[in-house]
């Protein structure tokens, strides 16, 4: 299932217009304003329009993303509480819209240390889960690059969070290719991809992967640089993406593009991914030469 993050300027239904234009089977959107703390009310008409547009669209799955300003691991008490409360709002809104997945970053400890940062993230998640026990939307923790004081750049770190959350069935993982590579996992080769997935399965469990972000990386292996580029135009090349789109274990798992200049390049990138679905490894290796 291939798709992209899409604009929603002009209303949430705009995302479906872009999704259909680009040939997306799935899309990712912000369901609240991404750069503001204040949240506008969600009217009944907006919900009905969203569901109607979805029904008329060829898009099968919609994924929401928690705004980046919400840092669930913040050592600043005020910002921490605002982030936790925003997560609760997002989960309730996702339920109203019928959205099954909400992707979020595990947070930044801002120099307070990984251990205390993880503790705050876990508390944020547990508080949000406790206050949304009637919500079925799953929280997907995104794998991170480790830039700055980011948490979630190693599978072990993510496992620590998952081991401490309540109602673990409400959690999954969004596997970001750029982030994983920048964090030091060599998914740029077929063998490296297979070893990484095996390691992930051993530490977290492969069934927890319920979405992908497909992004090439401007930074090299282990660079800890979170810079996305178009498919095949960074250090990852094509093998990683070919391995993912051909992996039978992930056929029905949403795979979302997050690339620069998305209005100009997303359709082209999606077409490349669709082309990769029809190629053999030998053909990809020949193309890479």
Protein backbone atom coordinates (compact mmCIF):
# COMPACT_ATOMS: atom_id res chain seq x y z
CA UNK A 1 0.00 0.00 0.00
CA UNK A 2 1.77 3.13 -1.26
CA UNK A 3 1.05 6.79 -0.59
CA UNK A 4 2.35 10.12 0.61
CA UNK A 5 1.91 12.82 3.19
CA UNK A 6 -0.41 15.36 1.61
CA UNK A 7 -1.35 19.02 2.13
CA UNK A 8 -4.61 19.91 3.86
CA UNK A 9 -4.56 23.67 3.26
CA UNK A 10 -8.17 24.60 2.64
CA UNK A 11 -9.57 21.77 4.76
CA UNK A 12 -8.98 18.13 5.63
CA UNK A 13 -10.74 16.91 2.48
CA UNK A 14 -7.99 18.54 0.38
CA UNK A 15 -5.77 15.59 1.30
CA UNK A 16 -7.99 13.20 -0.65
CA UNK A 17 -7.80 15.36 -3.77
CA UNK A 18 -4.02 15.20 -3.67
CA UNK A 19 -4.10 11.51 -2.84
CA UNK A 20 -6.25 10.70 -5.86
CA UNK A 21 -4.25 13.01 -8.13
CA UNK A 22 -0.99 11.29 -7.18
CA UNK A 23 -2.40 7.75 -7.20
CA UNK A 24 -2.09 7.17 -3.45
CA UNK A 25 -3.56 4.11 -1.77
CA UNK A 26 -2.85 5.73 1.61
CA UNK A 27 -2.18 9.27 2.83
CA UNK A 28 -0.78 10.96 5.91
CA UNK A 29 -2.19 14.24 7.23
CA UNK A 30 -2.18 16.56 10.20
CA UNK A 31 -5.65 16.62 11.71
CA UNK A 32 -4.93 19.80 13.67
CA UNK A 33 -2.85 22.86 12.77
CA UNK A 34 0.72 21.58 12.90
CA UNK A 35 2.45 24.75 14.11
CA UNK A 36 -0.01 26.06 16.67
CA UNK A 37 -0.98 24.98 20.16
CA UNK A 38 -4.55 26.19 19.92
CA UNK A 39 -6.92 23.68 18.33
CA UNK A 40 -10.05 24.68 16.43
CA UNK A 41 -13.29 22.85 17.19
CA UNK A 42 -14.14 19.94 14.94
CA UNK A 43 -17.65 20.47 13.64
CA UNK A 44 -20.09 17.72 12.77
CA UNK A 45 -20.18 19.02 9.19
CA UNK A 46 -16.39 18.74 8.91
CA UNK A 47 -16.51 15.12 10.10
CA UNK A 48 -19.28 14.25 7.62
CA UNK A 49 -17.45 15.97 4.75
CA UNK A 50 -14.21 14.14 5.61
CA UNK A 51 -15.89 10.74 5.74
CA UNK A 52 -17.80 11.42 2.51
CA UNK A 53 -14.62 12.51 0.69
CA UNK A 54 -12.84 9.39 1.96
CA UNK A 55 -15.65 7.15 0.75
CA UNK A 56 -15.52 8.70 -2.71
CA UNK A 57 -11.72 8.54 -2.87
CA UNK A 58 -9.49 5.64 -3.93
CA UNK A 59 -7.49 6.18 -0.72
CA UNK A 60 -7.81 3.12 1.49
CA UNK A 61 -5.98 4.24 4.65
CA UNK A 62 -5.48 7.60 6.36
CA UNK A 63 -2.71 8.09 8.91
CA UNK A 64 -2.52 11.10 11.21
CA UNK A 65 0.72 12.60 12.52
CA UNK A 66 1.10 14.36 15.86
CA UNK A 67 2.55 17.87 15.29
CA UNK A 68 6.29 18.16 15.92
CA UNK A 69 5.80 20.91 18.50
CA UNK A 70 4.38 18.32 20.91
CA UNK A 71 7.46 17.02 22.75
CA UNK A 72 6.30 14.21 25.03
CA UNK A 73 9.72 14.00 26.73
CA UNK A 74 10.16 17.71 27.43
CA UNK A 75 11.79 18.56 30.79
CA UNK A 76 9.82 21.83 30.74
CA UNK A 77 6.68 21.06 32.76
CA UNK A 78 4.44 23.47 30.88
CA UNK A 79 5.50 22.18 27.46
CA UNK A 80 5.31 18.58 28.67
CA UNK A 81 1.69 19.03 29.80
CA UNK A 82 0.74 20.84 26.61
CA UNK A 83 2.22 17.98 24.56
CA UNK A 84 0.40 15.31 26.57
CA UNK A 85 -2.89 17.20 26.31
CA UNK A 86 -2.40 17.64 22.57
CA UNK A 87 -1.92 13.89 22.20
CA UNK A 88 -5.23 13.29 24.00
CA UNK A 89 -6.98 15.77 21.68
CA UNK A 90 -5.43 14.12 18.61
CA UNK A 91 -6.52 10.64 19.66
CA UNK A 92 -10.09 11.75 20.27
CA UNK A 93 -10.14 13.62 16.95
CA UNK A 94 -8.74 10.60 15.11
CA UNK A 95 -11.58 8.54 16.55
CA UNK A 96 -14.19 11.03 15.31
CA UNK A 97 -12.69 10.96 11.82
CA UNK A 98 -12.33 7.17 11.73
CA UNK A 99 -8.53 7.21 11.50
CA UNK A 100 -6.80 4.04 12.71
CA UNK A 101 -3.21 5.25 13.22
CA UNK A 102 -1.53 8.27 14.82
CA UNK A 103 2.23 8.54 14.25
CA UNK A 104 4.35 10.41 16.77
CA UNK A 105 7.98 11.05 17.66
CA UNK A 106 9.03 9.61 21.04
CA UNK A 107 10.36 13.03 22.03
CA UNK A 108 13.52 15.02 22.82
CA UNK A 109 15.01 14.93 26.30
CA UNK A 110 16.64 18.37 25.77
CA UNK A 111 19.79 17.51 27.68
CA UNK A 112 18.05 16.01 30.71
CA UNK A 113 19.25 12.49 29.81
CA UNK A 114 17.79 9.55 27.94
CA UNK A 115 16.55 7.74 31.02
CA UNK A 116 14.51 10.66 32.37
CA UNK A 117 13.33 11.49 28.84
CA UNK A 118 12.02 7.97 28.34
CA UNK A 119 10.28 8.11 31.72
CA UNK A 120 8.47 11.30 30.72
CA UNK A 121 7.51 9.84 27.33
CA UNK A 122 6.12 6.71 28.97
CA UNK A 123 4.14 8.79 31.47
CA UNK A 124 2.76 10.97 28.66
CA UNK A 125 1.67 7.91 26.71
CA UNK A 126 0.15 6.16 29.71
CA UNK A 127 -1.77 9.28 30.75
CA UNK A 128 -3.11 9.68 27.22
CA UNK A 129 -4.11 6.03 26.97
CA UNK A 130 -5.88 6.17 30.33
CA UNK A 131 -7.91 9.19 29.22
CA UNK A 132 -8.87 7.72 25.83
CA UNK A 133 -9.91 4.20 26.79
CA UNK A 134 -12.82 4.36 24.33
CA UNK A 135 -10.49 5.12 21.40
CA UNK A 136 -9.24 2.34 19.11
CA UNK A 137 -6.75 4.49 17.16
CA UNK A 138 -3.26 3.02 17.51
CA UNK A 139 -0.26 5.11 18.46
CA UNK A 140 2.70 4.41 16.17
CA UNK A 141 6.10 5.33 17.62
CA UNK A 142 8.36 6.52 14.82
CA UNK A 143 11.93 5.29 14.55
CA UNK A 144 14.22 8.31 14.80
CA UNK A 145 17.65 9.32 13.51
CA UNK A 146 19.11 10.35 16.87
CA UNK A 147 19.67 13.95 15.80
CA UNK A 148 20.25 16.21 18.79
CA UNK A 149 18.57 14.74 21.87
CA UNK A 150 15.98 12.64 20.02
CA UNK A 151 14.72 9.48 21.66
CA UNK A 152 13.81 6.36 19.71
CA UNK A 153 16.89 6.11 17.50
CA UNK A 154 17.68 2.56 18.60
CA UNK A 155 15.37 -0.44 18.64
CA UNK A 156 16.38 -1.02 22.25
CA UNK A 157 15.19 2.46 23.24
CA UNK A 158 11.84 1.91 21.58
CA UNK A 159 11.55 -1.48 23.27
CA UNK A 160 12.10 0.20 26.65
CA UNK A 161 9.16 2.49 25.96
CA UNK A 162 6.91 -0.34 24.76
CA UNK A 163 7.83 -2.46 27.78
CA UNK A 164 6.54 0.25 30.12
CA UNK A 165 3.35 1.40 28.41
CA UNK A 166 -0.03 0.12 29.47
CA UNK A 167 -2.37 -1.49 26.95
CA UNK A 168 0.50 -2.41 24.63
CA UNK A 169 -2.02 -3.55 21.98
CA UNK A 170 -2.70 0.14 21.33
CA UNK A 171 0.88 0.71 20.15
CA UNK A 172 2.81 -0.05 17.01
CA UNK A 173 5.82 1.26 15.06
CA UNK A 174 6.28 3.52 12.06
CA UNK A 175 9.57 2.44 10.43
CA UNK A 176 11.26 5.47 8.85
CA UNK A 177 13.95 4.44 6.33
CA UNK A 178 15.94 7.69 6.45
CA UNK A 179 15.90 7.77 10.24
CA UNK A 180 16.87 4.12 10.67
CA UNK A 181 19.77 4.48 8.23
CA UNK A 182 21.00 7.74 9.79
CA UNK A 183 20.80 6.06 13.20
CA UNK A 184 23.28 3.40 12.04
CA UNK A 185 21.24 0.51 10.61
CA UNK A 186 22.64 -0.44 7.21
CA UNK A 187 19.40 -0.93 5.26
CA UNK A 188 20.98 0.30 2.02
CA UNK A 189 21.75 -3.27 0.90
CA UNK A 190 19.51 -6.33 0.64
CA UNK A 191 21.50 -8.21 3.27
CA UNK A 192 21.59 -5.14 5.50
CA UNK A 193 17.83 -4.75 5.21
CA UNK A 194 17.24 -8.38 6.08
CA UNK A 195 19.63 -8.22 9.06
CA UNK A 196 17.94 -5.05 10.30
CA UNK A 197 14.45 -6.54 10.07
CA UNK A 198 15.67 -9.69 11.85
CA UNK A 199 17.15 -7.55 14.62
CA UNK A 200 13.95 -5.52 14.85
CA UNK A 201 11.92 -8.71 15.10
CA UNK A 202 14.13 -10.02 17.89
CA UNK A 203 14.04 -6.82 19.95
CA UNK A 204 10.52 -5.47 19.27
CA UNK A 205 8.60 -7.89 17.06
CA UNK A 206 7.99 -7.52 13.33
CA UNK A 207 4.21 -7.44 13.75
CA UNK A 208 4.58 -4.08 15.49
CA UNK A 209 5.57 -2.46 12.17
CA UNK A 210 2.23 -1.02 11.04
CA UNK A 211 3.45 1.82 8.81
CA UNK A 212 6.55 2.91 6.92
CA UNK A 213 7.91 6.33 6.06
CA UNK A 214 9.80 5.89 2.80
CA UNK A 215 12.51 8.54 2.54
CA UNK A 216 16.01 8.50 1.11
CA UNK A 217 18.72 10.02 3.29
CA UNK A 218 20.89 13.06 2.62
CA UNK A 219 23.19 11.95 5.45
CA UNK A 220 25.35 8.85 5.44
CA UNK A 221 25.09 5.70 7.54
CA UNK A 222 25.15 6.59 11.24
CA UNK A 223 25.30 10.33 10.52
CA UNK A 224 22.39 11.08 12.89
CA UNK A 225 21.26 13.66 10.31
CA UNK A 226 17.51 13.85 9.76
CA UNK A 227 17.42 15.08 6.16
CA UNK A 228 15.00 13.47 3.72
CA UNK A 229 15.51 13.38 -0.04
CA UNK A 230 13.65 11.77 -2.93
CA UNK A 231 13.81 8.03 -3.52
CA UNK A 232 17.12 6.96 -5.06
CA UNK A 233 18.72 10.40 -4.69
CA UNK A 234 20.46 9.85 -1.35
CA UNK A 235 22.76 7.38 0.37
CA UNK A 236 20.10 4.68 0.53
CA UNK A 237 19.75 4.18 -3.21
CA UNK A 238 17.05 1.84 -4.51
CA UNK A 239 17.72 -1.53 -2.88
CA UNK A 240 16.17 -0.66 0.47
CA UNK A 241 12.94 0.55 -1.12
CA UNK A 242 12.80 -2.39 -3.50
CA UNK A 243 13.21 -4.78 -0.57
CA UNK A 244 10.37 -3.11 1.36
CA UNK A 245 7.84 -2.86 -1.47
CA UNK A 246 8.53 -6.49 -2.44
CA UNK A 247 8.47 -7.87 1.11
CA UNK A 248 5.32 -10.06 1.36
CA UNK A 249 5.13 -9.42 5.11
CA UNK A 250 4.39 -5.74 4.47
CA UNK A 251 2.14 -5.82 1.40
CA UNK A 252 -0.85 -4.30 3.22
CA UNK A 253 1.18 -2.05 5.52
CA UNK A 254 0.86 1.67 4.59
CA UNK A 255 4.06 3.11 3.09
CA UNK A 256 4.14 6.90 3.17
CA UNK A 257 6.46 9.23 1.26
CA UNK A 258 7.84 12.21 3.21
CA UNK A 259 10.01 14.08 0.75
CA UNK A 260 10.92 17.72 0.05
CA UNK A 261 8.93 19.53 -2.67
CA UNK A 262 6.11 17.06 -2.23
CA UNK A 263 3.67 18.89 -4.55
CA UNK A 264 6.23 18.69 -7.34
CA UNK A 265 7.90 15.34 -6.71
CA UNK A 266 5.49 12.98 -4.88
CA UNK A 267 3.77 11.57 -7.95
CA UNK A 268 7.11 10.95 -9.64
CA UNK A 269 8.44 9.21 -6.53
CA UNK A 270 5.31 7.08 -6.20
CA UNK A 271 5.62 6.03 -9.83
CA UNK A 272 9.21 4.94 -9.14
CA UNK A 273 8.10 2.88 -6.14
CA UNK A 274 5.36 1.25 -8.22
CA UNK A 275 7.93 0.45 -10.89
CA UNK A 276 10.16 -1.15 -8.25
CA UNK A 277 7.29 -3.44 -7.29
CA UNK A 278 7.53 -5.03 -10.71
CA UNK A 279 11.31 -5.47 -10.84
CA UNK A 280 13.54 -8.35 -9.77
CA UNK A 281 16.64 -7.85 -7.64
CA UNK A 282 18.80 -8.46 -10.70
CA UNK A 283 17.03 -5.69 -12.60
CA UNK A 284 17.42 -3.27 -9.69
CA UNK A 285 21.11 -4.12 -9.42
CA UNK A 286 21.52 -3.41 -13.14
CA UNK A 287 19.72 -0.07 -12.78
CA UNK A 288 22.01 0.88 -9.90
CA UNK A 289 25.15 0.56 -12.04
